[in-house]
Amino acid sequence: MFDSPVSPCPVCGEMVLLDQTKAECAREHHCGGKTLCPLQEFFSGIDFSIKQPKENFRDTGY
């Protein structure tokens, strides 16, 4: 069984999962776009719901 890393968030007052992106967490916990995130450095940082830059090279043989 795998347990996701969690941390208490002083902004929303809830436990948040750190195996997501900051944007996903902000949507889930209703943080505004101007909210300074104290946990920013702990998120995974890769948003798989959007096209990643390296996907542009997929059809070029790289």
PDB file of N, CA and C in Angstrom:
ATOM      1  N   MET A   1       0.848  -1.178   0.000  1.00  0.00           N
ATOM      2  CA  MET A   1       0.000   0.000   0.000  1.00  0.00           C
ATOM      3  C   MET A   1       0.889   1.235   0.000  1.00  0.00           C
ATOM      4  N   PHE A   2       0.528   2.220  -0.805  1.00  0.00           N
ATOM      5  CA  PHE A   2       1.292   3.454  -0.904  1.00  0.00           C
ATOM      6  C   PHE A   2       0.510   4.584  -0.257  1.00  0.00           C
ATOM      7  N   ASP A   3       1.154   5.302   0.625  1.00  0.00           N
ATOM      8  CA  ASP A   3       0.534   6.461   1.254  1.00  0.00           C
ATOM      9  C   ASP A   3       1.141   7.725   0.668  1.00  0.00           C
ATOM     10  N   SER A   4       0.280   8.615   0.207  1.00  0.00           N
ATOM     11  CA  SER A   4       0.749   9.882  -0.340  1.00  0.00           C
ATOM     12  C   SER A   4       1.275  10.761   0.786  1.00  0.00           C
ATOM     13  N   PRO A   5       2.305  11.561   0.503  1.00  0.00           N
ATOM     14  CA  PRO A   5       2.782  12.490   1.527  1.00  0.00           C
ATOM     15  C   PRO A   5       1.737  13.573   1.765  1.00  0.00           C
ATOM     16  N   VAL A   6       1.536  13.929   3.013  1.00  0.00           N
ATOM     17  CA  VAL A   6       0.568  14.958   3.385  1.00  0.00           C
ATOM     18  C   VAL A   6       1.233  15.967   4.316  1.00  0.00           C
ATOM     19  N   SER A   7       0.624  17.144   4.376  1.00  0.00           N
ATOM     20  CA  SER A   7       1.126  18.182   5.256  1.00  0.00           C
ATOM     21  C   SER A   7      -0.032  19.084   5.661  1.00  0.00           C
ATOM     22  N   PRO A   8       0.002  19.605   6.872  1.00  0.00           N
ATOM     23  CA  PRO A   8      -1.034  20.566   7.244  1.00  0.00           C
ATOM     24  C   PRO A   8      -0.771  21.900   6.542  1.00  0.00           C
ATOM     25  N   CYS A   9      -1.807  22.512   6.033  1.00  0.00           N
ATOM     26  CA  CYS A   9      -1.681  23.801   5.347  1.00  0.00           C
ATOM     27  C   CYS A   9      -2.170  24.909   6.278  1.00  0.00           C
ATOM     28  N   PRO A  10      -1.307  25.865   6.590  1.00  0.00           N
ATOM     29  CA  PRO A  10      -1.727  26.958   7.468  1.00  0.00           C
ATOM     30  C   PRO A  10      -2.691  27.939   6.802  1.00  0.00           C
ATOM     31  N   VAL A  11      -2.794  27.910   5.478  1.00  0.00           N
ATOM     32  CA  VAL A  11      -3.695  28.821   4.773  1.00  0.00           C
ATOM     33  C   VAL A  11      -5.135  28.316   4.813  1.00  0.00           C
ATOM     34  N   CYS A  12      -5.346  27.048   4.421  1.00  0.00           N
ATOM     35  CA  CYS A  12      -6.719  26.519   4.379  1.00  0.00           C
ATOM     36  C   CYS A  12      -7.101  25.785   5.663  1.00  0.00           C
ATOM     37  N   GLY A  13      -6.101  25.462   6.485  1.00  0.00           N
ATOM     38  CA  GLY A  13      -6.393  24.789   7.751  1.00  0.00           C
ATOM     39  C   GLY A  13      -6.722  23.316   7.606  1.00  0.00           C
ATOM     40  N   GLU A  14      -6.349  22.707   6.475  1.00  0.00           N
ATOM     41  CA  GLU A  14      -6.628  21.299   6.236  1.00  0.00           C
ATOM     42  C   GLU A  14      -5.336  20.567   5.885  1.00  0.00           C
ATOM     43  N   MET A  15      -5.419  19.238   5.912  1.00  0.00           N
ATOM     44  CA  MET A  15      -4.299  18.423   5.451  1.00  0.00           C
ATOM     45  C   MET A  15      -4.376  18.366   3.926  1.00  0.00           C
ATOM     46  N   VAL A  16      -3.231  18.560   3.268  1.00  0.00           N
ATOM     47  CA  VAL A  16      -3.216  18.525   1.810  1.00  0.00           C
ATOM     48  C   VAL A  16      -2.258  17.442   1.332  1.00  0.00           C
ATOM     49  N   LEU A  17      -2.594  16.846   0.181  1.00  0.00           N
ATOM     50  CA  LEU A  17      -1.734  15.838  -0.439  1.00  0.00           C
ATOM     51  C   LEU A  17      -0.635  16.549  -1.214  1.00  0.00           C
ATOM     52  N   LEU A  18       0.584  16.084  -1.070  1.00  0.00           N
ATOM     53  CA  LEU A  18       1.712  16.729  -1.730  1.00  0.00           C
ATOM     54  C   LEU A  18       2.111  16.042  -3.028  1.00  0.00           C
ATOM     55  N   ASP A  19       1.420  14.979  -3.411  1.00  0.00           N
ATOM     56  CA  ASP A  19       1.732  14.300  -4.676  1.00  0.00           C
ATOM     57  C   ASP A  19       0.879  14.835  -5.820  1.00  0.00           C
ATOM     58  N   GLN A  20       0.515  16.095  -5.733  1.00  0.00           N
ATOM     59  CA  GLN A  20      -0.231  16.781  -6.773  1.00  0.00           C
ATOM     60  C   GLN A  20       0.499  18.095  -7.080  1.00  0.00           C
ATOM     61  N   THR A  21      -0.023  18.865  -8.013  1.00  0.00           N
ATOM     62  CA  THR A  21       0.597  20.152  -8.290  1.00  0.00           C
ATOM     63  C   THR A  21      -0.011  21.221  -7.395  1.00  0.00           C
ATOM     64  N   LYS A  22       0.668  22.345  -7.322  1.00  0.00           N
ATOM     65  CA  LYS A  22       0.161  23.464  -6.530  1.00  0.00           C
ATOM     66  C   LYS A  22      -1.186  23.928  -7.080  1.00  0.00           C
ATOM     67  N   ALA A  23      -1.324  23.956  -8.409  1.00  0.00           N
ATOM     68  CA  ALA A  23      -2.579  24.384  -9.032  1.00  0.00           C
ATOM     69  C   ALA A  23      -3.731  23.442  -8.681  1.00  0.00           C
ATOM     70  N   GLU A  24      -3.473  22.141  -8.684  1.00  0.00           N
ATOM     71  CA  GLU A  24      -4.516  21.171  -8.319  1.00  0.00           C
ATOM     72  C   GLU A  24      -4.940  21.362  -6.866  1.00  0.00           C
ATOM     73  N   CYS A  25      -3.970  21.569  -5.997  1.00  0.00           N
ATOM     74  CA  CYS A  25      -4.280  21.775  -4.584  1.00  0.00           C
ATOM     75  C   CYS A  25      -5.090  23.062  -4.388  1.00  0.00           C
ATOM     76  N   ALA A  26      -4.694  24.129  -5.093  1.00  0.00           N
ATOM     77  CA  ALA A  26      -5.402  25.404  -4.988  1.00  0.00           C
ATOM     78  C   ALA A  26      -6.855  25.272  -5.430  1.00  0.00           C
ATOM     79  N   ARG A  27      -7.094  24.516  -6.509  1.00  0.00           N
ATOM     80  CA  ARG A  27      -8.477  24.296  -6.957  1.00  0.00           C
ATOM     81  C   ARG A  27      -9.271  23.516  -5.915  1.00  0.00           C
ATOM     82  N   GLU A  28      -8.660  22.489  -5.363  1.00  0.00           N
ATOM     83  CA  GLU A  28      -9.350  21.636  -4.395  1.00  0.00           C
ATOM     84  C   GLU A  28      -9.679  22.369  -3.095  1.00  0.00           C
ATOM     85  N   HIS A  29      -8.779  23.241  -2.659  1.00  0.00           N
ATOM     86  CA  HIS A  29      -8.957  23.918  -1.373  1.00  0.00           C
ATOM     87  C   HIS A  29      -9.379  25.375  -1.520  1.00  0.00           C
ATOM     88  N   HIS A  30      -9.747  25.760  -2.752  1.00  0.00           N
ATOM     89  CA  HIS A  30     -10.324  27.073  -3.054  1.00  0.00           C
ATOM     90  C   HIS A  30      -9.400  28.234  -2.687  1.00  0.00           C
ATOM     91  N   CYS A  31      -8.113  28.082  -2.961  1.00  0.00           N
ATOM     92  CA  CYS A  31      -7.170  29.181  -2.769  1.00  0.00           C
ATOM     93  C   CYS A  31      -7.220  30.070  -4.004  1.00  0.00           C
ATOM     94  N   GLY A  32      -7.190  31.345  -3.799  1.00  0.00           N
ATOM     95  CA  GLY A  32      -7.208  32.278  -4.927  1.00  0.00           C
ATOM     96  C   GLY A  32      -5.875  32.291  -5.654  1.00  0.00           C
ATOM     97  N   GLY A  33      -5.867  32.868  -6.842  1.00  0.00           N
ATOM     98  CA  GLY A  33      -4.658  32.939  -7.646  1.00  0.00           C
ATOM     99  C   GLY A  33      -3.564  33.785  -7.020  1.00  0.00           C
ATOM    100  N   LYS A  34      -3.926  34.673  -6.116  1.00  0.00           N
ATOM    101  CA  LYS A  34      -2.945  35.557  -5.482  1.00  0.00           C
ATOM    102  C   LYS A  34      -2.514  35.061  -4.106  1.00  0.00           C
ATOM    103  N   THR A  35      -3.009  33.906  -3.694  1.00  0.00           N
ATOM    104  CA  THR A  35      -2.659  33.351  -2.392  1.00  0.00           C
ATOM    105  C   THR A  35      -1.224  32.831  -2.416  1.00  0.00           C
ATOM    106  N   LEU A  36      -0.404  33.297  -1.503  1.00  0.00           N
ATOM    107  CA  LEU A  36       0.966  32.811  -1.386  1.00  0.00           C
ATOM    108  C   LEU A  36       0.938  31.450  -0.706  1.00  0.00           C
ATOM    109  N   CYS A  37       1.453  30.443  -1.375  1.00  0.00           N
ATOM    110  CA  CYS A  37       1.388  29.077  -0.860  1.00  0.00           C
ATOM    111  C   CYS A  37       2.627  28.761  -0.022  1.00  0.00           C
ATOM    112  N   PRO A  38       2.457  28.461   1.261  1.00  0.00           N
ATOM    113  CA  PRO A  38       3.594  28.130   2.108  1.00  0.00           C
ATOM    114  C   PRO A  38       4.166  26.732   1.833  1.00  0.00           C
ATOM    115  N   LEU A  39       3.438  25.905   1.098  1.00  0.00           N
ATOM    116  CA  LEU A  39       3.886  24.540   0.796  1.00  0.00           C
ATOM    117  C   LEU A  39       4.377  24.401  -0.639  1.00  0.00           C
ATOM    118  N   GLN A  40       4.515  25.493  -1.348  1.00  0.00           N
ATOM    119  CA  GLN A  40       4.836  25.494  -2.775  1.00  0.00           C
ATOM    120  C   GLN A  40       6.010  24.599  -3.136  1.00  0.00           C
ATOM    121  N   GLU A  41       7.057  24.602  -2.364  1.00  0.00           N
ATOM    122  CA  GLU A  41       8.262  23.831  -2.701  1.00  0.00           C
ATOM    123  C   GLU A  41       8.106  22.324  -2.512  1.00  0.00           C
ATOM    124  N   PHE A  42       7.011  21.891  -1.899  1.00  0.00           N
ATOM    125  CA  PHE A  42       6.831  20.471  -1.609  1.00  0.00           C
ATOM    126  C   PHE A  42       5.970  19.727  -2.625  1.00  0.00           C
ATOM    127  N   PHE A  43       5.288  20.437  -3.528  1.00  0.00           N
ATOM    128  CA  PHE A  43       4.428  19.793  -4.511  1.00  0.00           C
ATOM    129  C   PHE A  43       5.254  19.168  -5.627  1.00  0.00           C
ATOM    130  N   SER A  44       4.653  18.197  -6.327  1.00  0.00           N
ATOM    131  CA  SER A  44       5.379  17.472  -7.367  1.00  0.00           C
ATOM    132  C   SER A  44       5.784  18.369  -8.531  1.00  0.00           C
ATOM    133  N   GLY A  45       4.970  19.345  -8.863  1.00  0.00           N
ATOM    134  CA  GLY A  45       5.328  20.306  -9.889  1.00  0.00           C
ATOM    135  C   GLY A  45       5.027  19.899 -11.315  1.00  0.00           C
ATOM    136  N   ILE A  46       4.597  18.682 -11.591  1.00  0.00           N
ATOM    137  CA  ILE A  46       4.283  18.248 -12.943  1.00  0.00           C
ATOM    138  C   ILE A  46       2.771  18.097 -13.066  1.00  0.00           C
ATOM    139  N   ASP A  47       2.194  18.896 -13.937  1.00  0.00           N
ATOM    140  CA  ASP A  47       0.752  18.836 -14.158  1.00  0.00           C
ATOM    141  C   ASP A  47       0.485  17.986 -15.391  1.00  0.00           C
ATOM    142  N   PHE A  48       0.095  16.731 -15.195  1.00  0.00           N
ATOM    143  CA  PHE A  48      -0.119  15.801 -16.294  1.00  0.00           C
ATOM    144  C   PHE A  48      -1.433  16.055 -17.036  1.00  0.00           C
ATOM    145  N   SER A  49      -2.230  17.004 -16.560  1.00  0.00           N
ATOM    146  CA  SER A  49      -3.490  17.295 -17.243  1.00  0.00           C
ATOM    147  C   SER A  49      -3.288  18.264 -18.411  1.00  0.00           C
ATOM    148  N   ILE A  50      -2.076  18.835 -18.553  1.00  0.00           N
ATOM    149  CA  ILE A  50      -1.780  19.715 -19.673  1.00  0.00           C
ATOM    150  C   ILE A  50      -0.664  19.116 -20.515  1.00  0.00           C
ATOM    151  N   LYS A  51      -0.558  19.564 -21.768  1.00  0.00           N
ATOM    152  CA  LYS A  51       0.483  19.054 -22.661  1.00  0.00           C
ATOM    153  C   LYS A  51       1.848  19.553 -22.173  1.00  0.00           C
ATOM    154  N   GLN A  52       2.776  18.646 -22.009  1.00  0.00           N
ATOM    155  CA  GLN A  52       4.112  18.980 -21.547  1.00  0.00           C
ATOM    156  C   GLN A  52       4.993  19.367 -22.738  1.00  0.00           C
ATOM    157  N   PRO A  53       5.969  20.272 -22.553  1.00  0.00           N
ATOM    158  CA  PRO A  53       6.815  20.732 -23.658  1.00  0.00           C
ATOM    159  C   PRO A  53       7.511  19.607 -24.427  1.00  0.00           C
ATOM    160  N   LYS A  54       7.976  18.585 -23.748  1.00  0.00           N
ATOM    161  CA  LYS A  54       8.695  17.524 -24.457  1.00  0.00           C
ATOM    162  C   LYS A  54       7.790  16.695 -25.356  1.00  0.00           C
ATOM    163  N   GLU A  55       6.477  16.770 -25.172  1.00  0.00           N
ATOM    164  CA  GLU A  55       5.558  16.044 -26.034  1.00  0.00           C
ATOM    165  C   GLU A  55       5.586  16.594 -27.458  1.00  0.00           C
ATOM    166  N   ASN A  56       6.061  17.822 -27.641  1.00  0.00           N
ATOM    167  CA  ASN A  56       6.186  18.400 -28.977  1.00  0.00           C
ATOM    168  C   ASN A  56       7.211  17.643 -29.801  1.00  0.00           C
ATOM    169  N   PHE A  57       8.166  16.971 -29.158  1.00  0.00           N
ATOM    170  CA  PHE A  57       9.219  16.245 -29.851  1.00  0.00           C
ATOM    171  C   PHE A  57       8.851  14.790 -30.169  1.00  0.00           C
ATOM    172  N   ARG A  58       7.727  14.335 -29.676  1.00  0.00           N
ATOM    173  CA  ARG A  58       7.350  12.929 -29.804  1.00  0.00           C
ATOM    174  C   ARG A  58       7.342  12.444 -31.261  1.00  0.00           C
ATOM    175  N   ASP A  59       6.813  13.246 -32.159  1.00  0.00           N
ATOM    176  CA  ASP A  59       6.711  12.826 -33.565  1.00  0.00           C
ATOM    177  C   ASP A  59       7.933  13.187 -34.409  1.00  0.00           C
ATOM    178  N   THR A  60       8.944  13.795 -33.795  1.00  0.00           N
ATOM    179  CA  THR A  60      10.138  14.188 -34.548  1.00  0.00           C
ATOM    180  C   THR A  60      11.265  13.179 -34.419  1.00  0.00           C
ATOM    181  N   GLY A  61      11.076  12.138 -33.659  1.00  0.00           N
ATOM    182  CA  GLY A  61      12.099  11.094 -33.522  1.00  0.00           C
ATOM    183  C   GLY A  61      12.999  11.254 -32.318  1.00  0.00           C
ATOM    184  N   TYR A  62      12.748  12.226 -31.487  1.00  0.00           N
ATOM    185  CA  TYR A  62      13.567  12.407 -30.271  1.00  0.00           C
ATOM    186  C   TYR A  62      12.991  11.637 -29.117  1.00  0.00           C
TER     187      TYR A  62
END
